[in-house]
Amino acid sequence: MKTVKFEVKVPEKASRWELLVRCVYWIPLVIVITILAILASICWVIQLLVILVTGKRNGAMQKYIKAYQTYQVKMGSYFNLLTDERPEILPDL
């Protein structure tokens, strides 16, 4: 198993305009992440059953769950004011 490393470089200077834009940008991000979370939960349950029955992981579901987790970290970093780099509204799945 590989170690997960997470590093965020936080600039000292913050833009006031970016904060206002952020408040509007959060609305579609929250809608998208909610839908993706529901789908990821369904994939997780199906993946659990697939592993129990076959003893192997389904590659497509594994890829989707990984993409969801990556998007969640990017969105969470932006939401928690750790970075000014905006995540894309729709992630690359």
PDB file of N, CA and C in Angstrom:
ATOM      1  N   MET A   1       0.853  -1.186   0.000  1.00  0.00           N
ATOM      2  CA  MET A   1       0.000   0.000   0.000  1.00  0.00           C
ATOM      3  C   MET A   1       0.889   1.236   0.000  1.00  0.00           C
ATOM      4  N   LYS A   2       0.543   2.189  -0.821  1.00  0.00           N
ATOM      5  CA  LYS A   2       1.317   3.418  -0.906  1.00  0.00           C
ATOM      6  C   LYS A   2       0.831   4.413   0.137  1.00  0.00           C
ATOM      7  N   THR A   3       1.764   5.220   0.603  1.00  0.00           N
ATOM      8  CA  THR A   3       1.433   6.257   1.564  1.00  0.00           C
ATOM      9  C   THR A   3       0.794   7.435   0.836  1.00  0.00           C
ATOM     10  N   VAL A   4      -0.212   8.003   1.434  1.00  0.00           N
ATOM     11  CA  VAL A   4      -0.871   9.171   0.862  1.00  0.00           C
ATOM     12  C   VAL A   4      -0.206  10.413   1.428  1.00  0.00           C
ATOM     13  N   LYS A   5       0.220  11.296   0.532  1.00  0.00           N
ATOM     14  CA  LYS A   5       0.842  12.550   0.958  1.00  0.00           C
ATOM     15  C   LYS A   5      -0.039  13.698   0.503  1.00  0.00           C
ATOM     16  N   PHE A   6      -0.224  14.656   1.380  1.00  0.00           N
ATOM     17  CA  PHE A   6      -1.089  15.798   1.088  1.00  0.00           C
ATOM     18  C   PHE A   6      -0.361  17.051   1.519  1.00  0.00           C
ATOM     19  N   GLU A   7      -0.105  17.937   0.575  1.00  0.00           N
ATOM     20  CA  GLU A   7       0.615  19.163   0.884  1.00  0.00           C
ATOM     21  C   GLU A   7      -0.099  20.336   0.232  1.00  0.00           C
ATOM     22  N   VAL A   8      -0.332  21.370   1.011  1.00  0.00           N
ATOM     23  CA  VAL A   8      -0.984  22.573   0.495  1.00  0.00           C
ATOM     24  C   VAL A   8      -0.088  23.756   0.797  1.00  0.00           C
ATOM     25  N   LYS A   9       0.264  24.482  -0.246  1.00  0.00           N
ATOM     26  CA  LYS A   9       1.055  25.694  -0.060  1.00  0.00           C
ATOM     27  C   LYS A   9       0.086  26.859   0.060  1.00  0.00           C
ATOM     28  N   VAL A  10       0.105  27.496   1.200  1.00  0.00           N
ATOM     29  CA  VAL A  10      -0.842  28.578   1.474  1.00  0.00           C
ATOM     30  C   VAL A  10      -0.138  29.919   1.287  1.00  0.00           C
ATOM     31  N   PRO A  11      -0.578  30.709   0.315  1.00  0.00           N
ATOM     32  CA  PRO A  11       0.019  32.034   0.152  1.00  0.00           C
ATOM     33  C   PRO A  11      -0.442  32.961   1.274  1.00  0.00           C
ATOM     34  N   GLU A  12       0.438  33.862   1.680  1.00  0.00           N
ATOM     35  CA  GLU A  12       0.088  34.777   2.765  1.00  0.00           C
ATOM     36  C   GLU A  12      -0.981  35.775   2.333  1.00  0.00           C
ATOM     37  N   LYS A  13      -0.834  36.272   1.122  1.00  0.00           N
ATOM     38  CA  LYS A  13      -1.766  37.278   0.632  1.00  0.00           C
ATOM     39  C   LYS A  13      -3.052  36.609   0.138  1.00  0.00           C
ATOM     40  N   ALA A  14      -4.185  37.177   0.532  1.00  0.00           N
ATOM     41  CA  ALA A  14      -5.484  36.647   0.108  1.00  0.00           C
ATOM     42  C   ALA A  14      -6.260  37.752  -0.610  1.00  0.00           C
ATOM     43  N   SER A  15      -6.954  37.362  -1.643  1.00  0.00           N
ATOM     44  CA  SER A  15      -7.725  38.315  -2.429  1.00  0.00           C
ATOM     45  C   SER A  15      -9.143  38.432  -1.869  1.00  0.00           C
ATOM     46  N   ARG A  16      -9.578  39.658  -1.648  1.00  0.00           N
ATOM     47  CA  ARG A  16     -10.945  39.868  -1.152  1.00  0.00           C
ATOM     48  C   ARG A  16     -11.964  39.545  -2.232  1.00  0.00           C
ATOM     49  N   TRP A  17     -11.632  39.883  -3.480  1.00  0.00           N
ATOM     50  CA  TRP A  17     -12.545  39.574  -4.581  1.00  0.00           C
ATOM     51  C   TRP A  17     -12.690  38.076  -4.761  1.00  0.00           C
ATOM     52  N   GLU A  18     -11.593  37.364  -4.583  1.00  0.00           N
ATOM     53  CA  GLU A  18     -11.642  35.904  -4.714  1.00  0.00           C
ATOM     54  C   GLU A  18     -12.589  35.314  -3.674  1.00  0.00           C
ATOM     55  N   LEU A  19     -12.618  35.878  -2.490  1.00  0.00           N
ATOM     56  CA  LEU A  19     -13.521  35.391  -1.448  1.00  0.00           C
ATOM     57  C   LEU A  19     -14.983  35.578  -1.854  1.00  0.00           C
ATOM     58  N   LEU A  20     -15.303  36.700  -2.475  1.00  0.00           N
ATOM     59  CA  LEU A  20     -16.672  36.934  -2.935  1.00  0.00           C
ATOM     60  C   LEU A  20     -17.042  35.989  -4.079  1.00  0.00           C
ATOM     61  N   VAL A  21     -16.113  35.784  -4.997  1.00  0.00           N
ATOM     62  CA  VAL A  21     -16.351  34.851  -6.101  1.00  0.00           C
ATOM     63  C   VAL A  21     -16.536  33.443  -5.555  1.00  0.00           C
ATOM     64  N   ARG A  22     -15.752  33.126  -4.548  1.00  0.00           N
ATOM     65  CA  ARG A  22     -15.803  31.805  -3.921  1.00  0.00           C
ATOM     66  C   ARG A  22     -17.198  31.495  -3.372  1.00  0.00           C
ATOM     67  N   CYS A  23     -17.819  32.470  -2.758  1.00  0.00           N
ATOM     68  CA  CYS A  23     -19.153  32.256  -2.176  1.00  0.00           C
ATOM     69  C   CYS A  23     -20.169  31.848  -3.242  1.00  0.00           C
ATOM     70  N   VAL A  24     -20.069  32.423  -4.429  1.00  0.00           N
ATOM     71  CA  VAL A  24     -20.974  32.062  -5.522  1.00  0.00           C
ATOM     72  C   VAL A  24     -20.560  30.725  -6.128  1.00  0.00           C
ATOM     73  N   TYR A  25     -19.265  30.503  -6.252  1.00  0.00           N
ATOM     74  CA  TYR A  25     -18.733  29.285  -6.872  1.00  0.00           C
ATOM     75  C   TYR A  25     -19.034  28.044  -6.032  1.00  0.00           C
ATOM     76  N   TRP A  26     -19.200  28.219  -4.731  1.00  0.00           N
ATOM     77  CA  TRP A  26     -19.485  27.085  -3.841  1.00  0.00           C
ATOM     78  C   TRP A  26     -20.819  26.416  -4.172  1.00  0.00           C
ATOM     79  N   ILE A  27     -21.789  27.176  -4.637  1.00  0.00           N
ATOM     80  CA  ILE A  27     -23.130  26.621  -4.880  1.00  0.00           C
ATOM     81  C   ILE A  27     -23.095  25.456  -5.867  1.00  0.00           C
ATOM     82  N   PRO A  28     -22.552  25.629  -7.081  1.00  0.00           N
ATOM     83  CA  PRO A  28     -22.514  24.460  -7.971  1.00  0.00           C
ATOM     84  C   PRO A  28     -21.585  23.361  -7.462  1.00  0.00           C
ATOM     85  N   LEU A  29     -20.509  23.740  -6.770  1.00  0.00           N
ATOM     86  CA  LEU A  29     -19.596  22.722  -6.236  1.00  0.00           C
ATOM     87  C   LEU A  29     -20.297  21.820  -5.222  1.00  0.00           C
ATOM     88  N   VAL A  30     -21.097  22.405  -4.363  1.00  0.00           N
ATOM     89  CA  VAL A  30     -21.803  21.618  -3.346  1.00  0.00           C
ATOM     90  C   VAL A  30     -22.837  20.696  -4.000  1.00  0.00           C
ATOM     91  N   ILE A  31     -23.518  21.182  -5.018  1.00  0.00           N
ATOM     92  CA  ILE A  31     -24.491  20.340  -5.726  1.00  0.00           C
ATOM     93  C   ILE A  31     -23.793  19.157  -6.381  1.00  0.00           C
ATOM     94  N   VAL A  32     -22.693  19.425  -7.074  1.00  0.00           N
ATOM     95  CA  VAL A  32     -21.954  18.362  -7.768  1.00  0.00           C
ATOM     96  C   VAL A  32     -21.371  17.366  -6.775  1.00  0.00           C
ATOM     97  N   ILE A  33     -20.755  17.834  -5.699  1.00  0.00           N
ATOM     98  CA  ILE A  33     -20.122  16.914  -4.742  1.00  0.00           C
ATOM     99  C   ILE A  33     -21.174  16.063  -4.033  1.00  0.00           C
ATOM    100  N   THR A  34     -22.365  16.598  -3.830  1.00  0.00           N
ATOM    101  CA  THR A  34     -23.439  15.813  -3.209  1.00  0.00           C
ATOM    102  C   THR A  34     -23.878  14.667  -4.119  1.00  0.00           C
ATOM    103  N   ILE A  35     -24.066  14.968  -5.394  1.00  0.00           N
ATOM    104  CA  ILE A  35     -24.447  13.918  -6.351  1.00  0.00           C
ATOM    105  C   ILE A  35     -23.343  12.877  -6.471  1.00  0.00           C
ATOM    106  N   LEU A  36     -22.096  13.337  -6.563  1.00  0.00           N
ATOM    107  CA  LEU A  36     -20.969  12.405  -6.667  1.00  0.00           C
ATOM    108  C   LEU A  36     -20.824  11.549  -5.410  1.00  0.00           C
ATOM    109  N   ALA A  37     -21.116  12.117  -4.250  1.00  0.00           N
ATOM    110  CA  ALA A  37     -21.026  11.360  -2.998  1.00  0.00           C
ATOM    111  C   ALA A  37     -22.069  10.247  -2.953  1.00  0.00           C
ATOM    112  N   ILE A  38     -23.263  10.542  -3.423  1.00  0.00           N
ATOM    113  CA  ILE A  38     -24.310   9.511  -3.460  1.00  0.00           C
ATOM    114  C   ILE A  38     -23.893   8.375  -4.386  1.00  0.00           C
ATOM    115  N   LEU A  39     -23.390   8.732  -5.572  1.00  0.00           N
ATOM    116  CA  LEU A  39     -22.935   7.709  -6.519  1.00  0.00           C
ATOM    117  C   LEU A  39     -21.744   6.919  -5.975  1.00  0.00           C
ATOM    118  N   ALA A  40     -20.823   7.603  -5.300  1.00  0.00           N
ATOM    119  CA  ALA A  40     -19.664   6.916  -4.720  1.00  0.00           C
ATOM    120  C   ALA A  40     -20.097   5.956  -3.617  1.00  0.00           C
ATOM    121  N   SER A  41     -21.097   6.328  -2.850  1.00  0.00           N
ATOM    122  CA  SER A  41     -21.605   5.438  -1.801  1.00  0.00           C
ATOM    123  C   SER A  41     -22.231   4.183  -2.400  1.00  0.00           C
ATOM    124  N   ILE A  42     -22.978   4.367  -3.477  1.00  0.00           N
ATOM    125  CA  ILE A  42     -23.576   3.211  -4.161  1.00  0.00           C
ATOM    126  C   ILE A  42     -22.475   2.316  -4.728  1.00  0.00           C
ATOM    127  N   CYS A  43     -21.478   2.925  -5.360  1.00  0.00           N
ATOM    128  CA  CYS A  43     -20.347   2.150  -5.901  1.00  0.00           C
ATOM    129  C   CYS A  43     -19.615   1.404  -4.791  1.00  0.00           C
ATOM    130  N   TRP A  44     -19.467   2.043  -3.643  1.00  0.00           N
ATOM    131  CA  TRP A  44     -18.761   1.409  -2.529  1.00  0.00           C
ATOM    132  C   TRP A  44     -19.493   0.150  -2.062  1.00  0.00           C
ATOM    133  N   VAL A  45     -20.815   0.239  -1.942  1.00  0.00           N
ATOM    134  CA  VAL A  45     -21.606  -0.925  -1.513  1.00  0.00           C
ATOM    135  C   VAL A  45     -21.509  -2.043  -2.550  1.00  0.00           C
ATOM    136  N   ILE A  46     -21.637  -1.686  -3.828  1.00  0.00           N
ATOM    137  CA  ILE A  46     -21.521  -2.702  -4.882  1.00  0.00           C
ATOM    138  C   ILE A  46     -20.114  -3.298  -4.888  1.00  0.00           C
ATOM    139  N   GLN A  47     -19.113  -2.450  -4.724  1.00  0.00           N
ATOM    140  CA  GLN A  47     -17.723  -2.927  -4.682  1.00  0.00           C
ATOM    141  C   GLN A  47     -17.522  -3.896  -3.518  1.00  0.00           C
ATOM    142  N   LEU A  48     -18.109  -3.600  -2.391  1.00  0.00           N
ATOM    143  CA  LEU A  48     -18.029  -4.477  -1.225  1.00  0.00           C
ATOM    144  C   LEU A  48     -18.601  -5.853  -1.555  1.00  0.00           C
ATOM    145  N   LEU A  49     -19.762  -5.870  -2.199  1.00  0.00           N
ATOM    146  CA  LEU A  49     -20.389  -7.141  -2.572  1.00  0.00           C
ATOM    147  C   LEU A  49     -19.569  -7.890  -3.625  1.00  0.00           C
ATOM    148  N   VAL A  50     -19.020  -7.166  -4.589  1.00  0.00           N
ATOM    149  CA  VAL A  50     -18.186  -7.796  -5.620  1.00  0.00           C
ATOM    150  C   VAL A  50     -16.961  -8.447  -4.987  1.00  0.00           C
ATOM    151  N   ILE A  51     -16.326  -7.761  -4.056  1.00  0.00           N
ATOM    152  CA  ILE A  51     -15.149  -8.321  -3.384  1.00  0.00           C
ATOM    153  C   ILE A  51     -15.530  -9.543  -2.561  1.00  0.00           C
ATOM    154  N   LEU A  52     -16.674  -9.490  -1.878  1.00  0.00           N
ATOM    155  CA  LEU A  52     -17.109 -10.640  -1.080  1.00  0.00           C
ATOM    156  C   LEU A  52     -17.401 -11.858  -1.948  1.00  0.00           C
ATOM    157  N   VAL A  53     -18.006 -11.643  -3.109  1.00  0.00           N
ATOM    158  CA  VAL A  53     -18.402 -12.760  -3.970  1.00  0.00           C
ATOM    159  C   VAL A  53     -17.234 -13.277  -4.806  1.00  0.00           C
ATOM    160  N   THR A  54     -16.502 -12.373  -5.452  1.00  0.00           N
ATOM    161  CA  THR A  54     -15.467 -12.805  -6.398  1.00  0.00           C
ATOM    162  C   THR A  54     -14.052 -12.771  -5.832  1.00  0.00           C
ATOM    163  N   GLY A  55     -13.840 -11.996  -4.794  1.00  0.00           N
ATOM    164  CA  GLY A  55     -12.491 -11.858  -4.247  1.00  0.00           C
ATOM    165  C   GLY A  55     -11.624 -10.894  -5.039  1.00  0.00           C
ATOM    166  N   LYS A  56     -12.223 -10.159  -5.981  1.00  0.00           N
ATOM    167  CA  LYS A  56     -11.495  -9.192  -6.802  1.00  0.00           C
ATOM    168  C   LYS A  56     -12.242  -7.869  -6.815  1.00  0.00           C
ATOM    169  N   ARG A  57     -11.484  -6.792  -7.071  1.00  0.00           N
ATOM    170  CA  ARG A  57     -12.102  -5.471  -7.175  1.00  0.00           C
ATOM    171  C   ARG A  57     -12.558  -5.217  -8.606  1.00  0.00           C
ATOM    172  N   ASN A  58     -13.633  -4.456  -8.742  1.00  0.00           N
ATOM    173  CA  ASN A  58     -14.091  -4.007 -10.051  1.00  0.00           C
ATOM    174  C   ASN A  58     -13.295  -2.753 -10.400  1.00  0.00           C
ATOM    175  N   GLY A  59     -12.582  -2.777 -11.516  1.00  0.00           N
ATOM    176  CA  GLY A  59     -11.703  -1.671 -11.895  1.00  0.00           C
ATOM    177  C   GLY A  59     -12.421  -0.359 -12.126  1.00  0.00           C
ATOM    178  N   ALA A  60     -13.578  -0.410 -12.757  1.00  0.00           N
ATOM    179  CA  ALA A  60     -14.319   0.816 -13.063  1.00  0.00           C
ATOM    180  C   ALA A  60     -14.809   1.495 -11.786  1.00  0.00           C
ATOM    181  N   MET A  61     -15.321   0.711 -10.862  1.00  0.00           N
ATOM    182  CA  MET A  61     -15.808   1.296  -9.602  1.00  0.00           C
ATOM    183  C   MET A  61     -14.648   1.824  -8.764  1.00  0.00           C
ATOM    184  N   GLN A  62     -13.538   1.102  -8.770  1.00  0.00           N
ATOM    185  CA  GLN A  62     -12.352   1.542  -8.038  1.00  0.00           C
ATOM    186  C   GLN A  62     -11.863   2.885  -8.589  1.00  0.00           C
ATOM    187  N   LYS A  63     -11.867   3.010  -9.912  1.00  0.00           N
ATOM    188  CA  LYS A  63     -11.432   4.244 -10.567  1.00  0.00           C
ATOM    189  C   LYS A  63     -12.372   5.399 -10.213  1.00  0.00           C
ATOM    190  N   TYR A  64     -13.685   5.145 -10.192  1.00  0.00           N
ATOM    191  CA  TYR A  64     -14.651   6.193  -9.869  1.00  0.00           C
ATOM    192  C   TYR A  64     -14.490   6.661  -8.421  1.00  0.00           C
ATOM    193  N   ILE A  65     -14.350   5.713  -7.505  1.00  0.00           N
ATOM    194  CA  ILE A  65     -14.207   6.071  -6.090  1.00  0.00           C
ATOM    195  C   ILE A  65     -12.925   6.874  -5.875  1.00  0.00           C
ATOM    196  N   LYS A  66     -11.851   6.499  -6.565  1.00  0.00           N
ATOM    197  CA  LYS A  66     -10.589   7.239  -6.461  1.00  0.00           C
ATOM    198  C   LYS A  66     -10.753   8.654  -7.012  1.00  0.00           C
ATOM    199  N   ALA A  67     -11.430   8.797  -8.159  1.00  0.00           N
ATOM    200  CA  ALA A  67     -11.663  10.117  -8.751  1.00  0.00           C
ATOM    201  C   ALA A  67     -12.519  10.978  -7.822  1.00  0.00           C
ATOM    202  N   TYR A  68     -13.508  10.364  -7.191  1.00  0.00           N
ATOM    203  CA  TYR A  68     -14.358  11.094  -6.241  1.00  0.00           C
ATOM    204  C   TYR A  68     -13.536  11.591  -5.053  1.00  0.00           C
ATOM    205  N   GLN A  69     -12.682  10.739  -4.501  1.00  0.00           N
ATOM    206  CA  GLN A  69     -11.865  11.131  -3.350  1.00  0.00           C
ATOM    207  C   GLN A  69     -10.915  12.270  -3.707  1.00  0.00           C
ATOM    208  N   THR A  70     -10.319  12.194  -4.891  1.00  0.00           N
ATOM    209  CA  THR A  70      -9.418  13.256  -5.344  1.00  0.00           C
ATOM    210  C   THR A  70     -10.169  14.577  -5.476  1.00  0.00           C
ATOM    211  N   TYR A  71     -11.342  14.530  -6.080  1.00  0.00           N
ATOM    212  CA  TYR A  71     -12.157  15.734  -6.249  1.00  0.00           C
ATOM    213  C   TYR A  71     -12.589  16.288  -4.892  1.00  0.00           C
ATOM    214  N   GLN A  72     -12.919  15.405  -3.977  1.00  0.00           N
ATOM    215  CA  GLN A  72     -13.360  15.830  -2.647  1.00  0.00           C
ATOM    216  C   GLN A  72     -12.242  16.580  -1.915  1.00  0.00           C
ATOM    217  N   VAL A  73     -11.014  16.115  -2.053  1.00  0.00           N
ATOM    218  CA  VAL A  73      -9.885  16.792  -1.405  1.00  0.00           C
ATOM    219  C   VAL A  73      -9.650  18.162  -2.035  1.00  0.00           C
ATOM    220  N   LYS A  74      -9.706  18.240  -3.365  1.00  0.00           N
ATOM    221  CA  LYS A  74      -9.528  19.532  -4.040  1.00  0.00           C
ATOM    222  C   LYS A  74     -10.620  20.511  -3.638  1.00  0.00           C
ATOM    223  N   MET A  75     -11.854  20.040  -3.639  1.00  0.00           N
ATOM    224  CA  MET A  75     -12.980  20.898  -3.290  1.00  0.00           C
ATOM    225  C   MET A  75     -12.928  21.308  -1.816  1.00  0.00           C
ATOM    226  N   GLY A  76     -12.562  20.371  -0.952  1.00  0.00           N
ATOM    227  CA  GLY A  76     -12.451  20.675   0.472  1.00  0.00           C
ATOM    228  C   GLY A  76     -11.369  21.695   0.769  1.00  0.00           C
ATOM    229  N   SER A  77     -10.251  21.606   0.057  1.00  0.00           N
ATOM    230  CA  SER A  77      -9.168  22.575   0.242  1.00  0.00           C
ATOM    231  C   SER A  77      -9.611  23.970  -0.175  1.00  0.00           C
ATOM    232  N   TYR A  78     -10.346  24.048  -1.260  1.00  0.00           N
ATOM    233  CA  TYR A  78     -10.860  25.335  -1.730  1.00  0.00           C
ATOM    234  C   TYR A  78     -11.930  25.862  -0.779  1.00  0.00           C
ATOM    235  N   PHE A  79     -12.817  24.983  -0.352  1.00  0.00           N
ATOM    236  CA  PHE A  79     -13.910  25.357   0.546  1.00  0.00           C
ATOM    237  C   PHE A  79     -13.388  25.851   1.898  1.00  0.00           C
ATOM    238  N   ASN A  80     -12.319  25.230   2.402  1.00  0.00           N
ATOM    239  CA  ASN A  80     -11.763  25.586   3.708  1.00  0.00           C
ATOM    240  C   ASN A  80     -10.702  26.676   3.637  1.00  0.00           C
ATOM    241  N   LEU A  81     -10.648  27.372   2.504  1.00  0.00           N
ATOM    242  CA  LEU A  81      -9.774  28.533   2.307  1.00  0.00           C
ATOM    243  C   LEU A  81      -8.287  28.193   2.395  1.00  0.00           C
ATOM    244  N   LEU A  82      -7.921  26.966   2.064  1.00  0.00           N
ATOM    245  CA  LEU A  82      -6.517  26.573   2.076  1.00  0.00           C
ATOM    246  C   LEU A  82      -5.809  26.950   0.785  1.00  0.00           C
ATOM    247  N   THR A  83      -6.566  27.138  -0.287  1.00  0.00           N
ATOM    248  CA  THR A  83      -5.977  27.472  -1.576  1.00  0.00           C
ATOM    249  C   THR A  83      -6.917  28.376  -2.364  1.00  0.00           C
ATOM    250  N   ASP A  84      -6.326  29.175  -3.259  1.00  0.00           N
ATOM    251  CA  ASP A  84      -7.135  30.001  -4.153  1.00  0.00           C
ATOM    252  C   ASP A  84      -7.346  29.324  -5.498  1.00  0.00           C
ATOM    253  N   GLU A  85      -6.773  28.155  -5.680  1.00  0.00           N
ATOM    254  CA  GLU A  85      -6.912  27.418  -6.936  1.00  0.00           C
ATOM    255  C   GLU A  85      -8.290  26.765  -6.986  1.00  0.00           C
ATOM    256  N   ARG A  86      -9.119  27.232  -7.911  1.00  0.00           N
ATOM    257  CA  ARG A  86     -10.488  26.714  -8.007  1.00  0.00           C
ATOM    258  C   ARG A  86     -10.503  25.319  -8.617  1.00  0.00           C
ATOM    259  N   PRO A  87     -11.238  24.403  -7.990  1.00  0.00           N
ATOM    260  CA  PRO A  87     -11.404  23.093  -8.633  1.00  0.00           C
ATOM    261  C   PRO A  87     -12.397  23.222  -9.786  1.00  0.00           C
ATOM    262  N   GLU A  88     -12.262  22.346 -10.762  1.00  0.00           N
ATOM    263  CA  GLU A  88     -13.213  22.358 -11.870  1.00  0.00           C
ATOM    264  C   GLU A  88     -14.589  21.963 -11.332  1.00  0.00           C
ATOM    265  N   ILE A  89     -15.643  22.460 -11.962  1.00  0.00           N
ATOM    266  CA  ILE A  89     -16.987  22.158 -11.465  1.00  0.00           C
ATOM    267  C   ILE A  89     -17.310  20.685 -11.660  1.00  0.00           C
ATOM    268  N   LEU A  90     -16.976  20.143 -12.822  1.00  0.00           N
ATOM    269  CA  LEU A  90     -17.177  18.715 -13.071  1.00  0.00           C
ATOM    270  C   LEU A  90     -15.816  18.031 -13.111  1.00  0.00           C
ATOM    271  N   PRO A  91     -15.597  17.046 -12.257  1.00  0.00           N
ATOM    272  CA  PRO A  91     -14.282  16.389 -12.219  1.00  0.00           C
ATOM    273  C   PRO A  91     -14.059  15.482 -13.422  1.00  0.00           C
ATOM    274  N   ASP A  92     -12.797  15.147 -13.655  1.00  0.00           N
ATOM    275  CA  ASP A  92     -12.457  14.178 -14.698  1.00  0.00           C
ATOM    276  C   ASP A  92     -12.693  12.788 -14.154  1.00  0.00           C
ATOM    277  N   LEU A  93     -13.690  12.114 -14.690  1.00  0.00           N
ATOM    278  CA  LEU A  93     -13.973  10.757 -14.248  1.00  0.00           C
ATOM    279  C   LEU A  93     -13.442   9.846 -15.273  1.00  0.00           C
TER     280      LEU A  93
END
